[in-house]
Protein backbone atom coordinates (compact mmCIF):
# COMPACT_ATOMS: atom_id res chain seq x y z
CA MET A 1 -81.29 -2.06 -53.20
CA HIS A 2 -83.13 -0.25 -55.99
CA LEU A 3 -84.25 -1.97 -59.13
CA PHE A 4 -82.63 0.61 -61.39
CA GLY A 5 -79.19 2.05 -61.04
CA ARG A 6 -77.29 4.49 -63.21
CA SER A 7 -75.81 1.68 -65.31
CA TRP A 8 -79.26 0.92 -66.75
CA LEU A 9 -79.69 4.35 -68.34
CA PRO A 10 -77.26 3.97 -71.30
CA VAL A 11 -78.66 0.52 -72.08
CA LEU A 12 -82.22 1.82 -71.99
CA LEU A 13 -81.30 4.75 -74.24
CA ILE A 14 -79.68 2.43 -76.81
CA VAL A 15 -82.74 0.16 -76.84
CA LEU A 16 -85.13 3.06 -77.33
CA LEU A 17 -83.04 4.56 -80.14
CA ALA A 18 -82.81 1.19 -81.86
CA LEU A 19 -86.57 0.76 -81.72
CA VAL A 20 -87.21 4.24 -83.09
CA SER A 21 -84.72 3.87 -85.93
CA ALA A 22 -85.96 0.41 -86.87
CA GLN A 23 -88.80 1.79 -88.99
CA PRO A 24 -88.13 3.32 -92.42
CA ALA A 25 -89.23 6.86 -93.20
CA LEU A 26 -92.25 6.14 -95.35
CA ALA A 27 -95.96 6.92 -95.39
CA HIS A 28 -99.28 5.16 -95.85
CA ALA A 29 -99.12 3.15 -99.10
CA GLN A 30 -101.34 3.75 -102.12
CA LEU A 31 -101.74 1.65 -105.25
CA LEU A 32 -100.54 3.69 -108.23
CA ALA A 33 -100.94 1.35 -111.21
CA THR A 34 -101.46 -2.25 -112.28
CA VAL A 35 -100.24 -4.26 -115.27
CA PRO A 36 -102.47 -5.32 -116.88
CA VAL A 37 -104.87 -2.48 -116.12
CA ASP A 38 -108.05 -3.23 -114.25
CA GLY A 39 -110.70 -4.44 -116.67
CA ALA A 40 -108.25 -5.41 -119.44
CA VAL A 41 -109.17 -8.09 -121.99
CA LEU A 42 -106.06 -9.97 -123.12
CA ALA A 43 -105.60 -12.30 -126.05
CA ALA A 44 -103.36 -14.58 -123.99
CA ALA A 45 -102.65 -15.06 -120.30
CA PRO A 46 -99.77 -12.94 -118.99
CA GLN A 47 -96.94 -14.57 -117.07
CA GLN A 48 -97.42 -12.21 -114.13
CA VAL A 49 -99.50 -9.36 -112.74
CA ARG A 50 -97.65 -6.30 -111.42
CA LEU A 51 -98.93 -3.95 -108.70
CA GLN A 52 -97.11 -0.62 -108.38
CA PHE A 53 -97.27 1.18 -104.99
CA ASN A 54 -95.83 4.49 -103.87
CA GLU A 55 -93.68 2.77 -101.22
CA PRO A 56 -92.46 -0.75 -100.40
CA VAL A 57 -95.18 -3.05 -99.08
CA SER A 58 -95.21 -6.60 -97.77
CA PRO A 59 -97.72 -9.06 -99.28
CA LEU A 60 -100.07 -10.71 -96.79
CA ALA A 61 -102.55 -12.48 -99.07
CA MET A 62 -102.62 -12.95 -102.84
CA THR A 63 -105.43 -15.01 -104.37
CA LEU A 64 -106.40 -15.57 -108.00
CA ILE A 65 -110.11 -16.32 -108.41
CA GLY A 66 -110.99 -17.94 -111.72
CA PRO A 67 -114.20 -17.64 -113.78
CA ASP A 68 -115.60 -20.75 -112.06
CA GLY A 69 -114.87 -19.38 -108.56
CA THR A 70 -111.80 -21.57 -107.97
CA SER A 71 -109.23 -19.82 -105.74
CA THR A 72 -105.46 -20.22 -106.14
CA ASP A 73 -103.09 -18.97 -103.45
CA LEU A 74 -100.26 -16.98 -105.06
CA LEU A 75 -98.63 -15.58 -101.93
CA ASP A 76 -95.53 -17.77 -102.35
CA GLU A 77 -95.23 -16.51 -105.93
CA THR A 78 -95.14 -12.85 -104.87
CA VAL A 79 -92.04 -10.73 -104.33
CA GLY A 80 -92.45 -7.67 -102.08
CA GLY A 81 -91.30 -4.09 -102.65
CA GLU A 82 -92.70 -0.99 -104.32
CA SER A 83 -93.60 -3.09 -107.35
CA LEU A 84 -95.15 -6.46 -106.56
CA ALA A 85 -94.68 -9.12 -109.26
CA ILE A 86 -97.23 -11.91 -108.89
CA ALA A 87 -96.41 -14.96 -111.01
CA LEU A 88 -99.54 -16.56 -112.47
CA PRO A 89 -100.07 -20.30 -112.93
CA GLU A 90 -99.02 -21.78 -116.27
CA ALA A 91 -102.58 -22.81 -117.16
CA VAL A 92 -105.02 -19.91 -116.86
CA ALA A 93 -108.49 -20.56 -118.24
CA SER A 94 -110.30 -18.24 -120.63
CA GLY A 95 -112.74 -15.78 -119.07
CA THR A 96 -112.62 -13.18 -116.33
CA HIS A 97 -110.20 -13.55 -113.41
CA VAL A 98 -109.96 -11.57 -110.19
CA LEU A 99 -106.63 -11.09 -108.40
CA SER A 100 -107.51 -10.30 -104.79
CA TYR A 101 -104.62 -8.83 -102.80
CA ARG A 102 -103.89 -7.65 -99.28
CA VAL A 103 -100.60 -5.96 -98.40
CA VAL A 104 -99.34 -4.09 -95.37
CA SER A 105 -97.75 -0.64 -95.49
CA THR A 106 -95.12 0.89 -93.25
CA ASP A 107 -97.64 2.35 -90.83
CA GLY A 108 -98.89 -1.17 -90.07
CA HIS A 109 -102.26 -0.78 -91.76
CA PRO A 110 -103.38 -3.29 -94.40
CA ILE A 111 -104.44 -2.29 -97.90
CA GLY A 112 -106.68 -4.56 -99.92
CA GLY A 113 -108.14 -4.54 -103.39
CA ALA A 114 -108.71 -6.54 -106.54
CA VAL A 115 -107.59 -6.41 -110.17
CA VAL A 116 -110.00 -7.79 -112.78
CA PHE A 117 -108.72 -8.98 -116.16
CA SER A 118 -110.05 -11.33 -118.81
CA ILE A 119 -108.37 -13.86 -121.07
CA GLY A 120 -109.83 -14.08 -124.58
CA ARG A 121 -113.25 -12.79 -123.57
CA ALA A 122 -115.01 -11.24 -120.61
CA SER A 123 -117.24 -13.48 -118.49
CA GLN A 124 -119.07 -13.25 -115.19
CA ALA A 125 -116.42 -12.57 -112.53
CA ALA A 126 -116.55 -14.61 -109.35
CA PRO A 127 -117.19 -12.52 -106.22
CA THR A 128 -114.21 -11.63 -104.06
CA PRO A 129 -114.35 -11.95 -100.27
CA GLY A 130 -114.60 -8.63 -98.46
CA ALA A 131 -113.46 -7.47 -95.05
CA ASP A 132 -115.29 -9.11 -92.18
CA PRO A 133 -117.33 -6.47 -90.29
CA GLY A 134 -117.08 -8.45 -87.05
CA THR A 135 -113.29 -8.29 -87.22
CA SER A 136 -113.38 -4.54 -87.86
CA VAL A 137 -115.65 -3.90 -84.88
CA ALA A 138 -113.57 -6.14 -82.63
CA LEU A 139 -110.34 -4.42 -83.72
CA TRP A 140 -111.80 -0.96 -83.06
CA ALA A 141 -113.10 -2.01 -79.64
CA GLY A 142 -109.83 -3.76 -78.74
CA LYS A 143 -107.71 -0.73 -79.62
CA ALA A 144 -110.06 1.67 -77.84
CA LEU A 145 -109.83 -0.45 -74.67
CA LEU A 146 -106.07 -0.72 -75.09
CA PHE A 147 -105.85 3.09 -75.17
CA VAL A 148 -107.94 3.29 -72.01
CA ALA A 149 -105.65 0.80 -70.28
CA LEU A 150 -102.54 2.68 -71.45
CA PHE A 151 -103.61 6.19 -70.53
CA PHE A 152 -105.54 5.48 -67.33
CA GLY A 153 -103.56 2.43 -66.13
CA VAL A 154 -99.99 3.26 -67.11
CA GLY A 155 -100.78 6.95 -66.65
CA GLY A 156 -101.90 6.13 -63.10
CA ALA A 157 -98.57 4.43 -62.45
CA ALA A 158 -96.76 7.53 -63.75
CA PHE A 159 -98.87 9.75 -61.44
CA GLN A 160 -96.83 8.38 -58.55
CA ALA A 161 -94.08 10.80 -59.61
CA LEU A 162 -96.41 13.61 -58.42
CA ALA A 163 -98.06 12.03 -55.41
CA PRO A 164 -98.82 8.63 -53.84
CA LEU A 165 -101.84 6.88 -55.30
CA PRO A 166 -104.89 6.39 -53.08
CA ARG A 167 -105.59 2.76 -52.28
CA VAL A 168 -108.65 2.51 -54.54
CA GLY A 169 -106.80 4.27 -57.36
CA ARG A 170 -103.93 1.81 -57.08
CA ARG A 171 -106.32 -1.15 -57.33
CA ILE A 172 -108.06 0.34 -60.37
CA ALA A 173 -104.74 1.11 -62.06
CA LEU A 174 -103.56 -2.45 -61.35
CA GLY A 175 -106.74 -3.84 -62.90
CA LEU A 176 -106.39 -1.65 -65.99
CA THR A 177 -102.73 -2.52 -66.54
CA ALA A 178 -103.44 -6.24 -66.08
CA THR A 179 -106.25 -5.91 -68.63
CA GLY A 180 -103.92 -4.05 -70.96
CA LEU A 181 -101.38 -6.85 -70.67
CA LEU A 182 -104.05 -9.17 -72.07
CA LEU A 183 -105.29 -6.69 -74.68
CA ALA A 184 -101.85 -6.08 -76.22
CA PRO A 185 -101.49 -9.61 -77.68
CA MET A 186 -105.22 -9.80 -78.38
CA THR A 187 -105.14 -6.69 -80.56
CA LEU A 188 -102.08 -8.13 -82.31
CA GLY A 189 -104.14 -11.16 -83.36
CA LEU A 190 -107.04 -8.92 -84.41
CA GLN A 191 -104.62 -6.80 -86.42
CA GLY A 192 -103.57 -9.97 -88.23
CA LEU A 193 -107.20 -10.92 -88.91
CA ASP A 194 -107.83 -7.45 -90.31
CA ALA A 195 -104.68 -7.60 -92.41
CA LEU A 196 -105.73 -10.91 -93.97
CA GLY A 197 -109.44 -10.06 -94.19
CA LEU A 198 -110.36 -13.09 -92.06
CA PRO A 199 -113.37 -13.58 -89.76
CA LEU A 200 -113.12 -13.77 -85.98
CA PRO A 201 -113.10 -17.61 -85.72
CA ALA A 202 -109.78 -17.63 -87.61
CA LEU A 203 -108.17 -16.00 -84.56
CA PHE A 204 -107.33 -19.51 -83.34
CA ASP A 205 -105.18 -20.16 -86.44
CA PRO A 206 -101.48 -19.22 -86.54
CA ALA A 207 -101.78 -17.20 -89.77
CA PRO A 208 -103.27 -14.00 -88.29
CA TRP A 209 -100.73 -13.95 -85.46
CA ASN A 210 -97.87 -14.27 -87.92
CA ALA A 211 -99.42 -11.56 -90.09
CA GLY A 212 -99.87 -9.25 -87.09
CA LEU A 213 -96.25 -9.66 -86.08
CA ALA A 214 -95.19 -8.93 -89.66
CA THR A 215 -96.78 -5.47 -89.48
CA SER A 216 -95.28 -2.51 -87.64
CA TYR A 217 -98.08 -2.91 -85.10
CA GLY A 218 -96.20 -6.00 -83.91
CA ALA A 219 -93.54 -3.74 -82.38
CA THR A 220 -96.25 -1.54 -80.86
CA ALA A 221 -97.94 -4.52 -79.17
CA ILE A 222 -94.66 -5.89 -77.82
CA VAL A 223 -93.45 -2.56 -76.40
CA ALA A 224 -96.92 -1.84 -74.98
CA ALA A 225 -96.88 -5.20 -73.20
CA VAL A 226 -93.49 -4.35 -71.67
CA ALA A 227 -94.94 -0.98 -70.60
CA PHE A 228 -97.81 -2.75 -68.85
CA LEU A 229 -95.37 -5.08 -67.09
CA ALA A 230 -93.30 -2.11 -65.88
CA ALA A 231 -96.48 -0.36 -64.71
CA LEU A 232 -97.57 -3.47 -62.82
CA GLY A 233 -94.19 -3.56 -61.11
CA GLY A 234 -94.43 0.11 -60.20
CA LEU A 235 -97.93 -0.27 -58.81
CA ALA A 236 -97.08 -3.41 -56.83
CA THR A 237 -93.78 -2.40 -55.24
CA PRO A 238 -93.88 -0.83 -51.76
CA ALA A 239 -90.66 1.14 -52.39
CA ALA A 240 -91.62 4.68 -53.35
CA ARG A 241 -88.51 5.39 -55.41
CA ASP A 242 -88.81 2.16 -57.38
CA ALA A 243 -92.51 2.85 -57.94
CA ILE A 244 -91.69 6.27 -59.39
CA LEU A 245 -88.90 4.93 -61.61
CA LEU A 246 -90.99 2.04 -62.90
CA GLY A 247 -94.00 4.29 -63.45
CA LEU A 248 -91.98 6.79 -65.50
CA LEU A 249 -90.33 3.96 -67.43
CA ALA A 250 -93.76 2.49 -68.19
CA ALA A 251 -95.00 5.90 -69.38
CA GLY A 252 -91.99 6.29 -71.66
CA LEU A 253 -92.45 2.82 -73.12
CA ALA A 254 -96.18 3.42 -73.61
CA ALA A 255 -95.48 6.64 -75.52
CA LEU A 256 -92.79 4.86 -77.54
CA SER A 257 -95.17 2.02 -78.44
CA LEU A 258 -97.58 4.47 -80.06
CA ALA A 259 -94.71 6.06 -82.00
CA LEU A 260 -93.74 2.75 -83.60
CA SER A 261 -96.81 2.36 -85.84
CA GLY A 262 -99.81 4.24 -87.13
CA HIS A 263 -100.58 6.92 -89.70
CA ALA A 264 -98.95 9.80 -87.85
CA SER A 265 -95.68 8.11 -86.92
CA ALA A 266 -95.18 6.68 -90.43
CA ALA A 267 -95.43 10.06 -92.15
CA ALA A 268 -92.38 11.92 -93.38
CA PRO A 269 -90.22 13.57 -92.16
CA GLN A 270 -89.49 10.87 -89.62
CA TRP A 271 -87.10 13.01 -87.58
CA LEU A 272 -90.14 15.15 -86.76
CA THR A 273 -93.18 12.87 -86.74
CA ARG A 274 -91.96 10.04 -84.51
CA PRO A 275 -90.68 12.37 -81.74
CA ALA A 276 -93.91 14.38 -82.12
CA VAL A 277 -96.04 11.26 -81.58
CA PHE A 278 -93.86 10.31 -78.60
CA VAL A 279 -94.24 13.77 -77.02
CA HIS A 280 -97.97 13.88 -77.81
CA ALA A 281 -98.61 10.50 -76.23
CA GLY A 282 -96.46 11.38 -73.23
CA GLY A 283 -98.39 14.58 -72.60
CA VAL A 284 -101.69 12.72 -72.85
CA LEU A 285 -100.44 10.05 -70.43
CA LEU A 286 -99.46 12.57 -67.76
CA TRP A 287 -102.75 14.43 -68.06
CA ILE A 288 -105.20 11.53 -68.32
CA GLY A 289 -103.31 9.40 -65.82
CA ALA A 290 -103.88 12.06 -63.15
CA LEU A 291 -107.66 12.35 -63.58
CA LEU A 292 -108.78 9.28 -61.64
CA PRO A 293 -106.29 9.69 -58.74
CA LEU A 294 -107.23 13.36 -58.33
CA TRP A 295 -110.95 12.56 -58.45
CA LEU A 296 -110.46 9.97 -55.71
CA LEU A 297 -108.17 12.17 -53.56
CA LEU A 298 -110.57 15.12 -53.65
CA ARG A 299 -113.35 13.14 -51.99
CA ASP A 300 -111.92 14.16 -48.62
CA ARG A 301 -109.99 17.15 -47.40
CA SER A 302 -106.45 16.01 -46.63
CA ALA A 303 -102.88 17.24 -46.87
CA ALA A 304 -102.09 14.50 -49.41
CA ALA A 305 -104.95 15.61 -51.67
CA ASP A 306 -103.93 19.26 -51.48
CA ALA A 307 -100.29 18.43 -52.22
CA ALA A 308 -101.23 16.28 -55.22
CA LEU A 309 -103.57 18.94 -56.60
CA ALA A 310 -100.97 21.69 -56.17
CA ARG A 311 -98.23 19.67 -57.89
CA PHE A 312 -100.53 18.69 -60.74
CA SER A 313 -101.63 22.30 -61.20
CA ARG A 314 -98.00 23.45 -61.44
CA SER A 315 -96.87 20.72 -63.85
CA ILE A 316 -99.85 20.29 -66.19
CA PRO A 317 -99.21 23.48 -68.26
CA TYR A 318 -95.96 21.96 -69.52
CA ALA A 319 -97.67 18.71 -70.54
CA VAL A 320 -100.51 20.60 -72.28
CA ALA A 321 -98.04 22.87 -74.12
CA ALA A 322 -96.13 19.83 -75.41
CA LEU A 323 -99.41 18.13 -76.33
CA LEU A 324 -100.67 21.16 -78.28
CA LEU A 325 -97.41 21.80 -80.11
CA SER A 326 -96.98 18.18 -81.17
CA GLY A 327 -100.67 17.84 -82.05
CA VAL A 328 -100.65 20.89 -84.34
CA THR A 329 -97.46 19.60 -85.99
CA LEU A 330 -98.94 16.16 -86.67
CA ALA A 331 -102.29 17.52 -87.87
CA THR A 332 -100.54 19.88 -90.29
CA ILE A 333 -98.47 17.04 -91.76
CA GLN A 334 -101.46 14.71 -92.05
CA MET A 335 -104.02 17.19 -93.38
CA GLY A 336 -101.99 19.69 -95.44
CA TRP A 337 -103.48 23.01 -96.44
CA PRO A 338 -107.28 23.41 -96.12
CA GLY A 339 -109.06 21.87 -99.09
CA PRO A 340 -111.45 19.09 -100.15
CA GLN A 341 -109.25 16.50 -98.43
CA TRP A 342 -110.41 17.89 -95.08
CA LEU A 343 -113.84 16.38 -95.81
CA THR A 344 -112.50 12.80 -95.91
CA GLY A 345 -113.25 10.30 -93.16
CA TYR A 346 -109.94 11.11 -91.51
CA GLY A 347 -110.80 14.82 -91.55
CA VAL A 348 -114.25 14.21 -90.09
CA ILE A 349 -112.78 12.20 -87.19
CA LEU A 350 -110.15 14.89 -86.63
CA ALA A 351 -112.83 17.61 -86.62
CA ALA A 352 -114.90 15.68 -84.05
CA LYS A 353 -111.79 15.15 -81.94
CA LEU A 354 -110.92 18.86 -82.09
CA VAL A 355 -114.42 19.82 -80.95
CA LEU A 356 -114.17 17.48 -77.97
CA LEU A 357 -110.64 18.72 -77.25
CA ALA A 358 -111.84 22.33 -77.25
CA VAL A 359 -114.42 21.43 -74.60
CA LEU A 360 -111.80 19.43 -72.69
CA PHE A 361 -109.28 22.28 -72.70
CA GLY A 362 -112.03 24.69 -71.67
CA LEU A 363 -112.86 22.53 -68.66
CA ALA A 364 -109.19 22.16 -67.74
CA LEU A 365 -108.66 25.93 -67.95
CA TRP A 366 -111.73 26.58 -65.81
CA ASN A 367 -110.52 24.06 -63.25
CA ARG A 368 -107.11 25.66 -62.98
CA ARG A 369 -108.14 29.32 -62.98
CA SER A 370 -111.42 29.18 -61.07
CA LEU A 371 -111.58 26.05 -58.93
CA THR A 372 -108.07 24.96 -57.92
CA ALA A 373 -107.20 27.90 -55.67
CA PRO A 374 -110.55 27.86 -53.79
CA ALA A 375 -110.32 24.07 -53.44
CA LEU A 376 -106.83 24.35 -51.94
CA ALA A 377 -108.12 27.09 -49.62
CA GLY A 378 -110.69 24.68 -48.18
CA ASP A 379 -113.81 25.63 -50.15
CA SER A 380 -115.84 22.40 -50.09
CA ARG A 381 -118.17 23.62 -52.84
CA ALA A 382 -115.18 24.27 -55.14
CA ARG A 383 -113.87 20.78 -54.41
CA ARG A 384 -117.19 19.21 -55.36
CA ARG A 385 -117.30 21.24 -58.58
CA LEU A 386 -113.72 20.28 -59.32
CA ARG A 387 -114.51 16.58 -58.89
CA ARG A 388 -117.52 16.87 -61.21
CA SER A 389 -115.40 18.69 -63.77
CA ILE A 390 -112.67 16.01 -63.57
CA ALA A 391 -115.33 13.32 -64.11
CA ALA A 392 -116.55 15.25 -67.17
CA GLU A 393 -112.96 15.42 -68.45
CA ALA A 394 -112.64 11.65 -68.08
CA GLY A 395 -115.87 11.13 -70.03
CA LEU A 396 -114.65 13.37 -72.85
CA VAL A 397 -111.35 11.49 -72.90
CA LEU A 398 -113.18 8.19 -73.40
CA LEU A 399 -115.04 9.63 -76.39
CA ILE A 400 -111.79 10.96 -77.86
CA LEU A 401 -110.05 7.60 -77.47
CA GLY A 402 -112.96 5.91 -79.27
CA LEU A 403 -112.54 8.37 -82.17
CA VAL A 404 -108.78 7.86 -82.31
CA ALA A 405 -109.26 4.08 -82.55
CA GLY A 406 -111.36 4.72 -85.68
CA TRP A 407 -108.42 6.27 -87.51
CA ARG A 408 -107.23 2.76 -88.38
CA PHE A 409 -109.98 2.59 -91.02
CA THR A 410 -109.38 5.99 -92.65
CA PRO A 411 -106.24 6.74 -94.69
CA PRO A 412 -104.95 10.27 -94.02
CA PRO A 413 -105.31 12.98 -96.69
CA ARG A 414 -101.53 13.03 -97.24
CA ALA A 415 -101.79 9.41 -98.42
CA LEU A 416 -104.86 10.02 -100.57
CA ALA A 417 -102.97 12.82 -102.29
CA LEU A 418 -100.44 10.24 -103.51
CA ALA A 419 -103.12 8.12 -105.19
CA PRO A 420 -103.53 8.63 -108.93
CA ALA A 421 -106.29 11.11 -109.64
CA PRO A 422 -109.24 9.86 -111.69
CA VAL A 423 -108.67 10.61 -115.34
CA ALA A 424 -111.14 13.20 -116.54
CA SER A 425 -113.25 12.42 -119.55
CA ALA A 426 -110.91 13.19 -122.45
CA GLU A 427 -111.88 14.51 -125.88
CA PRO A 428 -112.57 11.54 -128.14
CA VAL A 429 -109.93 10.36 -130.58
CA LEU A 430 -111.39 10.97 -134.07
CA LEU A 431 -110.29 8.71 -136.90
CA HIS A 432 -111.28 9.02 -140.56
CA LEU A 433 -111.22 5.73 -142.46
CA MET A 434 -112.18 5.23 -146.12
CA ASP A 435 -111.78 3.18 -149.28
CA ALA A 436 -113.11 3.71 -152.80
CA THR A 437 -116.80 3.32 -151.82
CA THR A 438 -117.17 3.65 -148.02
CA MET A 439 -116.15 6.13 -145.34
CA ALA A 440 -116.28 5.77 -141.56
CA MET A 441 -115.81 8.35 -138.83
CA ALA A 442 -114.71 6.63 -135.60
CA ALA A 443 -114.92 8.40 -132.23
CA ILE A 444 -112.97 6.59 -129.49
CA ARG A 445 -113.71 7.92 -126.02
CA LEU A 446 -110.83 7.15 -123.66
CA GLY A 447 -108.52 8.93 -121.24
CA LYS A 448 -105.97 6.17 -120.75
CA ALA A 449 -105.62 2.42 -121.11
CA GLY A 450 -108.73 0.62 -119.96
CA PRO A 451 -112.40 0.39 -121.02
CA VAL A 452 -113.27 2.56 -124.04
CA GLN A 453 -116.35 3.38 -126.08
CA LEU A 454 -116.23 3.34 -129.88
CA ASP A 455 -118.89 5.13 -131.98
CA LEU A 456 -119.02 4.80 -135.76
CA ALA A 457 -120.75 6.87 -138.43
CA ILE A 458 -120.68 5.10 -141.80
CA THR A 459 -121.35 6.92 -145.09
CA ASP A 460 -120.68 6.57 -148.79
CA ILE A 461 -117.90 8.48 -150.52
CA GLU A 462 -120.14 11.57 -150.81
CA GLY A 463 -120.86 11.64 -147.06
CA VAL A 464 -124.42 10.31 -147.33
CA PRO A 465 -125.33 7.83 -144.53
CA LYS A 466 -124.93 4.30 -145.82
CA ALA A 467 -127.06 1.34 -144.84
CA VAL A 468 -124.93 -1.63 -143.84
CA GLN A 469 -125.78 -5.06 -142.48
CA ALA A 470 -123.08 -5.53 -139.83
CA VAL A 471 -119.87 -4.02 -138.53
CA ALA A 472 -117.03 -5.92 -136.85
CA VAL A 473 -114.29 -4.03 -134.96
CA THR A 474 -110.79 -5.38 -134.37
CA LEU A 475 -108.08 -3.83 -132.20
CA ALA A 476 -104.50 -5.06 -132.46
CA SER A 477 -101.03 -3.93 -131.43
CA PRO A 478 -98.31 -6.03 -133.03
CA ALA A 479 -95.61 -3.80 -131.54
CA LEU A 480 -96.84 -4.63 -128.05
CA GLY A 481 -97.20 -8.32 -128.85
CA ILE A 482 -100.98 -8.25 -128.34
CA GLU A 483 -103.13 -10.35 -130.62
CA PRO A 484 -106.29 -8.93 -132.24
CA ILE A 485 -109.30 -8.22 -129.99
CA ARG A 486 -112.52 -8.55 -132.00
CA ARG A 487 -115.97 -7.18 -131.15
CA ASP A 488 -119.26 -6.86 -133.08
CA ALA A 489 -120.75 -3.36 -133.19
CA VAL A 490 -124.39 -2.73 -132.28
CA ALA A 491 -126.63 -0.49 -134.39
CA THR A 492 -127.90 2.69 -132.70
CA ASP A 493 -130.11 5.59 -133.77
CA THR A 494 -127.02 7.55 -134.85
CA GLY A 495 -124.76 4.80 -136.21
CA TRP A 496 -122.90 1.88 -134.68
CA ARG A 497 -121.36 1.42 -131.22
CA VAL A 498 -119.02 -0.93 -129.35
CA GLY A 499 -119.36 -0.48 -125.59
CA ASP A 500 -117.58 -3.56 -124.21
CA LEU A 501 -114.15 -2.83 -125.65
CA THR A 502 -110.99 -2.56 -123.54
CA VAL A 503 -107.58 -1.21 -124.51
CA PRO A 504 -105.42 -3.17 -122.03
CA VAL A 505 -102.17 -1.17 -122.24
CA ALA A 506 -100.92 2.18 -123.53
CA GLY A 507 -99.17 2.40 -126.90
CA THR A 508 -99.90 2.43 -130.63
CA TRP A 509 -102.96 0.48 -131.73
CA ARG A 510 -104.47 -0.46 -135.11
CA LEU A 511 -108.23 -0.21 -135.61
CA GLU A 512 -109.72 -2.44 -138.30
CA LEU A 513 -113.36 -2.25 -139.46
CA ASP A 514 -115.07 -5.04 -141.38
CA ILE A 515 -118.20 -3.40 -142.80
CA ARG A 516 -120.71 -5.82 -144.35
CA VAL A 517 -122.54 -3.65 -146.87
CA SER A 518 -124.42 -6.50 -148.51
CA ARG A 519 -124.21 -10.20 -149.02
CA PHE A 520 -121.61 -9.70 -151.72
CA GLU A 521 -119.85 -6.51 -150.56
CA LEU A 522 -117.43 -6.20 -147.62
CA SER A 523 -115.42 -3.03 -146.95
CA LYS A 524 -112.25 -3.33 -144.87
CA LEU A 525 -110.94 -0.08 -143.37
CA GLU A 526 -108.06 0.50 -140.97
CA ALA A 527 -106.21 3.29 -139.14
CA GLU A 528 -103.76 3.69 -136.25
CA PHE A 529 -104.12 5.69 -133.03
CA SER A 530 -102.18 6.20 -129.79
CA VAL A 531 -103.36 5.50 -126.25
CA PRO A 532 -101.65 7.54 -123.48
């Protein structure tokens, strides 16, 4: 009795469709704005900090670090979505605070950052913990090895649809799939460590495992583990038909697992990108999974080796065509039209991958057009060359898989395009302030809410530079409910300057100047201006 009958097919189809449709059609998240703005100096502590993203995100860690370095966990006070509202404690001390956050986007990749704001006055900000390099290296290595286990192990199980595996090839494929079965949960824990920014020893805590499951990579790890189990069953069963069915099922699940998370599968439009990732991964599985068995079979001249080589030669063009079509589609969506974004880290990895792929395709074409026919005709020299070429293909594949694992750490250009562009240096806002005896020309250099620079030129009523003893600058916005922010100007060779001034939010502001002309004379000037 076979393990799979016809009645399993509708159930399997429903499960696969449910898994594919479980993920929303969104892209890699980018932080668009914060309230208050980064670097703001506030007269009083706000009730909450708001982080605005381009898509819904789930908070993983939210920590407020006070001026004295004390950390307060605010994760329970955070509501997820496109706009995260983080409620602050009732008692927030004066000085500079750092809100350190880590959230996870739809593609399963964490995004971290920090918002700095000050209450009353700016002080020395406490350092924020950064990503642990050991965790990053371990995550890259774990995913690279997982890819090797998927494509060579599960791919080897799928090769049984073309020809029986040689005994050594079966043992190697069994070892790789068993290793992959261990790597799938291990990379899930590492994903959680990376999401939370924790070091490797924290892997023994429950928090990173919960965080890993909360990301879309949780579905990838689970489905990949099921794929490894199916591959193990296909490699262990003596029944040829069951081995073929289980091998093809494992290949389908492996391709599906890669379509459930990652930059490419999370990009819009979902009706195109997820099937494209599935087809791309499936083509890679059929190609790479055949390399080791063919290399082993071609050691000796046999009817089984010739039959396997002939079937592979006939079928591989279809897999390569699907791989190329889906790959071009995904690269176009991720990269967009040629431009500066192609020089990002993601673009550099893609360029390196394309160079290696060009060499790989060249070798594969040479094998098929120049070596396969002579090898099938009994030319021992052609068989030796073909085995060396297959070994070279396998080496190139390992390099490519290492590059692909590095994409976790590089947001794609399509996501970077959503991030707010840096505001160019705007023309200064010029204000003319005067009373009966004193004039001041104020130049406020700003492009938007945030740190600004204020330069003052002070003269008498005739426009002649006027010697003054001190200048105090006050910014206030009663309409916005913001109390006055006061700074003392510093004398320069050309006038007076305030360089540590911050306009925390956009709106209408009032500038007040207290100009101490002498011990007995004080000029008070004021004017209003708008901040975009």
